[in-house]
Amino acid sequence: MESTSASSVQKSFQYDVFLSFRGEDTRKTFVGHLYHAIHCRGINTYKDDEKIKKGEVISKELIASIQDSRFYIIVFSKDYAYSSWCLDELAKIIECQRLTEHTAYPVFYDVEPTHVRHQSGAVEEAFKKHVGKEGAVRWRGALNEAAGLAGLELKNTLNGKRSAVCGPHLQASAGEEMDQMSAVCKEKRGSRGLKGVWKTTLAKAVFDHISCQFESKSFVESVSKRSSFGLKKLQKQILKDVFSGQCIDNMEMKRMRNTKVLVVLDDVDDIELLEALAGSPNWFKPGSKIIITTRNEQVLKPHQVKLIHDVNQLLLSNDEAICLFSRYAFGGEIPIRYYEELSSQVVFP
């Protein structure tokens, strides 16, 4: 009878990934979007506010969950080392990381790896409160070892809310607006604003951010412009999207009432258009969501739109716009000398 060595048997883990982070720093920004992206890909991830149940002893559950996770993503922020809870968690991760079954990946979020390794700079300030404590030596060792692992260094371009409407950063950090637009019941939500204020871009980001929560989805761009070719074509697009390209004989929109759908209607400027494409709540299964963008708030009001977002309020200030442009064009917060006027002409044509 053949024997099997213990080393050849692959361990089965409860979690694919364990996220370690300081909640006050990154829970609603980077970590929130990272968790969503991982979760949408079917990766079983431990994130404390998702998994810890009320009444349980958190420390014991955390230790067990760390041991029962295959990979670790450690998000180091400027105040990560301020929390003894995070440091205990990190020390356990590093202990497990030394075993062949586990792998840890550090993410340095707006903090220098060398500051984590040597507890200098911003990390030194955060670590000060632990000097002389019983676990300080062990925590320093864990920080030093974690900072030496291969990982990713990220810079926080602007605060989470402002970067939500700035081109390349939109999908990664649409911020609080995304979370507010993610409702849990059957409803319509609207976004209004002037032409050129990123309504469509924001809607696309929200669509990408939450679409995995629905059974089917449809994004209809430039509704008003395309309506000149006939409403039936727009209705057919929605139905084909929802039913995965199947041949649609029955053109009644209420066919969607048995499917939890996400529908985005972009640039709707007429009440009749909205009536034809999302006229009745009875067309949609509970849990469905309809998002509408428009320049005219009056289009939304007759249709029981529960929440209207004024995108104009999300625009960057002049200083923030110049700062964002300068980061990409010059690698700094402000334009380089002699390029100030030209930069203003580019940002404010």
Protein backbone atom coordinates (compact mmCIF):
# COMPACT_ATOMS: atom_id res chain seq x y z
CA MET A 1 0.00 0.00 0.00
CA GLU A 2 1.43 3.36 -1.04
CA SER A 3 1.98 5.98 1.61
CA THR A 4 1.49 9.70 1.16
CA SER A 5 3.84 12.13 2.88
CA ALA A 6 2.28 14.87 4.97
CA SER A 7 4.06 17.53 2.91
CA SER A 8 2.37 16.38 -0.30
CA VAL A 9 -1.12 16.86 1.09
CA GLN A 10 -2.40 20.35 0.35
CA LYS A 11 -4.18 21.96 3.28
CA SER A 12 -7.75 23.15 2.80
CA PHE A 13 -8.38 26.72 4.04
CA GLN A 14 -11.64 28.33 5.12
CA TYR A 15 -10.66 31.66 3.56
CA ASP A 16 -8.75 32.43 0.39
CA VAL A 17 -7.68 35.89 1.57
CA PHE A 18 -7.40 37.65 4.92
CA LEU A 19 -7.43 41.46 4.81
CA SER A 20 -5.43 43.24 7.51
CA PHE A 21 -5.96 47.01 7.75
CA ARG A 22 -6.73 49.86 10.12
CA GLY A 23 -10.40 50.59 9.65
CA GLU A 24 -10.34 54.29 10.44
CA ASP A 25 -7.80 54.87 7.66
CA THR A 26 -8.98 52.76 4.75
CA ARG A 27 -12.24 50.89 5.44
CA LYS A 28 -14.42 53.26 3.40
CA THR A 29 -11.84 54.05 0.73
CA PHE A 30 -9.16 51.73 -0.64
CA VAL A 31 -10.00 48.62 1.42
CA GLY A 32 -13.71 48.96 0.68
CA HIS A 33 -13.11 48.90 -3.06
CA LEU A 34 -10.41 46.23 -2.81
CA TYR A 35 -12.77 43.95 -0.87
CA HIS A 36 -15.55 44.55 -3.39
CA ALA A 37 -13.28 43.70 -6.32
CA ILE A 38 -12.06 40.48 -4.67
CA HIS A 39 -15.53 39.46 -3.51
CA CYS A 40 -17.04 39.98 -6.98
CA ARG A 41 -14.54 37.48 -8.36
CA GLY A 42 -15.77 34.77 -6.02
CA ILE A 43 -12.72 34.87 -3.72
CA ASN A 44 -13.70 34.04 -0.15
CA THR A 45 -12.25 36.90 1.87
CA TYR A 46 -12.09 37.60 5.60
CA LYS A 47 -12.70 41.25 6.46
CA ASP A 48 -13.41 41.91 10.11
CA ASP A 49 -16.57 44.00 9.77
CA GLU A 50 -17.99 41.37 7.39
CA LYS A 51 -17.20 38.21 9.35
CA ILE A 52 -17.03 38.95 13.08
CA LYS A 53 -20.33 38.18 14.74
CA LYS A 54 -21.72 40.06 17.70
CA GLY A 55 -21.05 38.46 21.05
CA GLU A 56 -17.99 36.48 19.96
CA VAL A 57 -14.52 37.03 21.36
CA ILE A 58 -12.89 38.92 18.52
CA SER A 59 -9.25 38.13 19.30
CA LYS A 60 -9.79 34.35 19.31
CA GLU A 61 -11.78 34.47 16.08
CA LEU A 62 -9.14 36.61 14.42
CA ILE A 63 -6.35 34.23 15.35
CA ALA A 64 -8.33 31.26 14.05
CA SER A 65 -9.22 33.11 10.84
CA ILE A 66 -5.61 34.12 10.22
CA GLN A 67 -4.49 30.52 10.62
CA ASP A 68 -7.25 29.36 8.30
CA SER A 69 -6.45 31.80 5.44
CA ARG A 70 -4.26 30.98 2.45
CA PHE A 71 -3.18 34.51 1.51
CA TYR A 72 -2.83 37.74 3.47
CA ILE A 73 -3.12 41.27 2.13
CA ILE A 74 -1.70 43.73 4.65
CA VAL A 75 -2.71 47.33 3.94
CA PHE A 76 -0.18 49.55 5.69
CA SER A 77 -1.49 53.09 6.17
CA LYS A 78 0.12 55.94 8.08
CA ASP A 79 -1.68 55.06 11.31
CA TYR A 80 -1.66 51.26 10.97
CA ALA A 81 1.02 50.98 13.67
CA TYR A 82 -1.04 53.15 16.03
CA SER A 83 -3.30 50.16 16.72
CA SER A 84 -1.94 47.42 18.98
CA TRP A 85 -4.78 45.29 17.61
CA CYS A 86 -3.38 45.65 14.08
CA LEU A 87 0.14 44.93 15.32
CA ASP A 88 -0.93 41.75 17.12
CA GLU A 89 -2.74 40.73 13.95
CA LEU A 90 0.35 41.45 11.87
CA ALA A 91 2.61 39.46 14.19
CA LYS A 92 0.34 36.43 13.83
CA ILE A 93 0.28 36.84 10.04
CA ILE A 94 4.07 36.94 9.88
CA GLU A 95 4.23 33.86 12.09
CA CYS A 96 1.95 32.02 9.65
CA GLN A 97 3.71 33.52 6.62
CA ARG A 98 6.84 31.60 7.57
CA LEU A 99 4.97 28.37 6.85
CA THR A 100 4.94 27.15 3.26
CA GLU A 101 1.12 27.11 2.97
CA HIS A 102 0.70 30.85 3.56
CA THR A 103 1.71 33.91 1.53
CA ALA A 104 1.53 37.57 2.60
CA TYR A 105 1.44 40.60 0.30
CA PRO A 106 1.93 44.09 1.77
CA VAL A 107 0.26 47.15 0.26
CA PHE A 108 1.86 50.45 1.28
CA TYR A 109 -1.05 52.88 1.05
CA ASP A 110 0.31 56.43 1.12
CA VAL A 111 3.20 55.34 3.35
CA GLU A 112 6.82 54.54 2.49
CA PRO A 113 7.98 50.90 2.85
CA THR A 114 11.18 52.10 4.51
CA HIS A 115 9.12 53.92 7.15
CA VAL A 116 7.32 50.68 7.93
CA ARG A 117 10.57 48.69 8.00
CA HIS A 118 12.40 51.07 10.35
CA GLN A 119 9.37 52.60 12.14
CA SER A 120 10.45 56.03 10.95
CA GLY A 121 8.56 59.00 9.49
CA ALA A 122 4.79 58.76 9.90
CA VAL A 123 5.07 55.19 11.24
CA GLU A 124 7.45 56.31 14.00
CA GLU A 125 4.86 58.79 15.20
CA ALA A 126 2.17 56.09 15.22
CA PHE A 127 4.39 53.57 17.00
CA LYS A 128 5.47 55.94 19.80
CA LYS A 129 2.65 54.92 22.14
CA HIS A 130 3.88 51.31 22.14
CA VAL A 131 7.49 51.96 23.13
CA GLY A 132 8.26 50.02 26.30
CA LYS A 133 5.22 47.76 26.02
CA GLU A 134 5.57 44.00 26.36
CA GLY A 135 4.87 43.30 22.68
CA ALA A 136 6.91 46.17 21.21
CA VAL A 137 9.93 44.08 20.21
CA ARG A 138 7.74 41.45 18.54
CA TRP A 139 5.76 44.16 16.72
CA ARG A 140 8.92 45.87 15.45
CA GLY A 141 10.15 42.55 14.12
CA ALA A 142 6.84 41.90 12.35
CA LEU A 143 6.86 45.37 10.76
CA ASN A 144 10.43 44.93 9.61
CA GLU A 145 9.78 41.49 8.11
CA ALA A 146 6.51 42.49 6.44
CA ALA A 147 8.09 45.56 4.84
CA GLY A 148 10.71 43.32 3.27
CA LEU A 149 8.13 41.24 1.40
CA ALA A 150 7.31 41.87 -2.26
CA GLY A 151 4.26 44.10 -2.40
CA LEU A 152 2.63 47.17 -3.89
CA GLU A 153 3.15 50.86 -3.16
CA LEU A 154 0.16 53.14 -3.74
CA LYS A 155 -0.21 56.88 -3.39
CA ASN A 156 -3.50 58.46 -2.36
CA THR A 157 -3.99 61.05 -5.13
CA LEU A 158 -6.67 63.07 -3.38
CA ASN A 159 -9.25 62.27 -0.74
CA GLY A 160 -11.59 59.38 -1.60
CA LYS A 161 -14.60 61.54 -2.40
CA ARG A 162 -12.82 63.94 -4.73
CA SER A 163 -10.95 61.28 -6.67
CA ALA A 164 -14.33 59.75 -7.44
CA VAL A 165 -14.82 62.17 -10.33
CA CYS A 166 -11.28 62.37 -11.71
CA GLY A 167 -10.87 60.26 -14.80
CA PRO A 168 -8.59 57.24 -14.25
CA HIS A 169 -9.33 57.04 -10.52
CA LEU A 170 -13.08 56.83 -10.94
CA GLN A 171 -13.59 53.08 -11.08
CA ALA A 172 -11.12 52.41 -8.29
CA SER A 173 -12.42 54.96 -5.80
CA ALA A 174 -15.85 56.33 -6.53
CA GLY A 175 -16.14 56.91 -2.79
CA GLU A 176 -19.24 57.71 -0.79
CA GLU A 177 -21.40 58.48 -3.83
CA MET A 178 -21.19 54.84 -4.95
CA ASP A 179 -22.18 53.53 -1.55
CA GLN A 180 -25.12 55.90 -1.31
CA MET A 181 -26.35 54.91 -4.75
CA SER A 182 -26.24 51.21 -3.81
CA ALA A 183 -29.73 50.64 -2.39
CA VAL A 184 -31.18 47.39 -1.10
CA CYS A 185 -34.71 47.59 -2.46
CA LYS A 186 -36.51 48.04 -5.78
CA GLU A 187 -36.13 51.70 -6.61
CA LYS A 188 -35.06 54.42 -9.02
CA ARG A 189 -32.17 56.77 -8.36
CA GLY A 190 -31.14 59.79 -10.36
CA SER A 191 -28.03 61.82 -11.05
CA ARG A 192 -28.41 65.34 -12.41
CA GLY A 193 -25.84 67.87 -13.55
CA LEU A 194 -24.64 70.14 -16.32
CA LYS A 195 -23.12 68.81 -19.53
CA GLY A 196 -19.50 67.71 -19.09
CA VAL A 197 -19.57 67.08 -15.32
CA TRP A 198 -18.90 63.32 -15.46
CA LYS A 199 -22.50 62.09 -15.02
CA THR A 200 -21.99 59.28 -17.53
CA THR A 201 -18.54 58.41 -16.19
CA LEU A 202 -19.81 58.26 -12.62
CA ALA A 203 -22.79 56.15 -13.70
CA LYS A 204 -20.44 53.71 -15.46
CA ALA A 205 -18.31 53.44 -12.34
CA VAL A 206 -21.36 52.75 -10.18
CA PHE A 207 -22.56 50.21 -12.77
CA ASP A 208 -19.22 48.38 -12.68
CA HIS A 209 -19.04 48.65 -8.89
CA ILE A 210 -22.39 47.02 -8.07
CA SER A 211 -23.38 45.00 -11.16
CA CYS A 212 -22.17 41.71 -9.67
CA GLN A 213 -24.98 41.99 -7.10
CA PHE A 214 -27.65 41.54 -9.79
CA GLU A 215 -28.87 38.66 -11.93
CA SER A 216 -28.81 40.74 -15.13
CA LYS A 217 -27.79 44.24 -16.17
CA SER A 218 -28.09 46.81 -18.95
CA PHE A 219 -26.36 50.14 -19.54
CA VAL A 220 -28.10 52.33 -22.14
CA GLU A 221 -25.95 55.30 -23.08
CA SER A 222 -27.15 58.55 -24.73
CA VAL A 223 -30.84 57.68 -24.41
CA SER A 224 -32.15 61.04 -25.66
CA LYS A 225 -29.90 61.05 -28.72
CA ARG A 226 -30.69 57.46 -29.65
CA SER A 227 -34.43 57.84 -29.11
CA SER A 228 -34.67 59.44 -32.56
CA PHE A 229 -34.20 55.93 -33.96
CA GLY A 230 -37.26 54.69 -32.06
CA LEU A 231 -38.13 53.69 -28.52
CA LYS A 232 -38.63 50.06 -29.52
CA LYS A 233 -34.93 49.74 -30.30
CA LEU A 234 -33.99 51.01 -26.84
CA GLN A 235 -36.49 48.69 -25.18
CA LYS A 236 -35.15 45.79 -27.21
CA GLN A 237 -31.57 46.58 -26.16
CA ILE A 238 -32.53 46.46 -22.49
CA LEU A 239 -34.38 43.17 -22.91
CA LYS A 240 -31.55 41.60 -24.93
CA ASP A 241 -29.03 42.69 -22.30
CA VAL A 242 -31.15 41.32 -19.49
CA PHE A 243 -31.87 38.02 -21.22
CA SER A 244 -28.31 37.54 -22.50
CA GLY A 245 -28.94 38.14 -26.19
CA GLN A 246 -31.90 35.78 -26.52
CA CYS A 247 -34.32 36.45 -29.35
CA ILE A 248 -37.02 38.67 -27.90
CA ASP A 249 -40.47 38.14 -29.44
CA ASN A 250 -42.56 39.58 -26.65
CA MET A 251 -41.46 43.22 -26.38
CA GLU A 252 -43.23 43.91 -23.08
CA MET A 253 -40.82 45.42 -20.59
CA LYS A 254 -42.63 43.72 -17.72
CA ARG A 255 -40.92 40.49 -18.76
CA MET A 256 -38.14 41.58 -16.40
CA ARG A 257 -40.32 41.28 -13.30
CA ASN A 258 -38.87 37.85 -12.45
CA THR A 259 -35.25 38.99 -12.72
CA LYS A 260 -33.28 41.17 -10.30
CA VAL A 261 -31.80 43.72 -12.70
CA LEU A 262 -29.54 46.76 -12.71
CA VAL A 263 -30.47 49.23 -15.46
CA VAL A 264 -28.67 52.51 -16.14
CA LEU A 265 -30.43 55.01 -18.41
CA ASP A 266 -27.92 57.67 -19.37
CA ASP A 267 -28.83 61.19 -20.51
CA VAL A 268 -32.62 61.09 -20.34
CA ASP A 269 -34.12 64.51 -21.12
CA ASP A 270 -37.80 63.65 -21.61
CA ILE A 271 -40.45 62.30 -19.24
CA GLU A 272 -41.96 60.10 -21.96
CA LEU A 273 -38.62 58.41 -22.56
CA LEU A 274 -38.35 57.47 -18.92
CA GLU A 275 -41.96 56.29 -18.96
CA ALA A 276 -41.23 53.99 -21.91
CA LEU A 277 -38.01 52.52 -20.48
CA ALA A 278 -38.70 52.37 -16.74
CA GLY A 279 -42.30 53.37 -16.37
CA SER A 280 -43.65 51.09 -13.66
CA PRO A 281 -42.12 49.51 -10.54
CA ASN A 282 -44.14 46.40 -11.42
CA TRP A 283 -41.79 45.80 -14.36
CA PHE A 284 -38.96 44.93 -12.02
CA LYS A 285 -38.30 42.28 -9.41
CA PRO A 286 -37.76 43.48 -5.83
CA GLY A 287 -34.06 44.21 -5.36
CA SER A 288 -33.73 45.72 -8.83
CA LYS A 289 -32.19 49.17 -9.28
CA ILE A 290 -32.70 51.79 -11.96
CA ILE A 291 -30.14 54.62 -12.24
CA ILE A 292 -30.94 57.62 -14.43
CA THR A 293 -28.67 60.50 -15.46
CA THR A 294 -30.15 63.75 -16.73
CA ARG A 295 -29.55 67.47 -17.01
CA ASN A 296 -33.18 68.15 -16.12
CA GLU A 297 -34.29 67.26 -12.61
CA GLN A 298 -37.95 67.67 -13.63
CA VAL A 299 -37.67 64.44 -15.61
CA LEU A 300 -37.05 62.52 -12.40
CA LYS A 301 -39.67 63.89 -10.04
CA PRO A 302 -42.84 62.39 -11.60
CA HIS A 303 -41.32 58.90 -11.50
CA GLN A 304 -40.91 58.47 -7.74
CA VAL A 305 -37.13 58.66 -7.93
CA LYS A 306 -36.06 58.06 -4.34
CA LEU A 307 -32.73 59.86 -4.33
CA ILE A 308 -31.32 62.51 -6.65
CA HIS A 309 -27.55 63.16 -6.68
CA ASP A 310 -26.43 66.59 -7.81
CA VAL A 311 -23.17 65.78 -9.61
CA ASN A 312 -22.33 69.48 -9.86
CA GLN A 313 -21.52 69.37 -6.14
CA LEU A 314 -18.83 66.74 -6.77
CA LEU A 315 -16.71 68.90 -9.05
CA LEU A 316 -13.13 69.63 -8.09
CA SER A 317 -12.19 73.11 -6.97
CA ASN A 318 -9.77 74.99 -9.21
CA ASP A 319 -6.86 74.24 -6.87
CA GLU A 320 -7.73 70.53 -6.75
CA ALA A 321 -7.99 70.36 -10.55
CA ILE A 322 -4.55 71.94 -10.97
CA CYS A 323 -3.14 69.60 -8.30
CA LEU A 324 -4.48 66.49 -10.04
CA PHE A 325 -3.20 67.65 -13.44
CA SER A 326 0.22 68.47 -11.99
CA ARG A 327 0.58 65.03 -10.40
CA TYR A 328 0.28 63.39 -13.80
CA ALA A 329 2.01 66.02 -15.91
CA PHE A 330 4.88 67.02 -13.61
CA GLY A 331 4.95 64.45 -10.80
CA GLY A 332 4.27 67.05 -8.11
CA GLU A 333 1.51 69.02 -6.43
CA ILE A 334 1.97 72.18 -8.53
CA PRO A 335 3.10 72.97 -12.09
CA ILE A 336 6.84 73.38 -12.58
CA ARG A 337 8.22 76.88 -13.05
CA TYR A 338 7.15 78.74 -16.22
CA TYR A 339 4.32 76.23 -16.88
CA GLU A 340 1.73 77.73 -14.52
CA GLU A 341 -0.17 79.68 -17.17
CA LEU A 342 -0.06 76.88 -19.74
CA SER A 343 -1.34 74.40 -17.13
CA SER A 344 -4.29 76.68 -16.37
CA GLN A 345 -5.08 76.87 -20.09
CA VAL A 346 -5.12 73.08 -20.31
CA VAL A 347 -7.24 72.51 -17.19
CA PHE A 348 -9.60 75.44 -17.80
CA PRO A 349 -9.87 75.75 -21.61
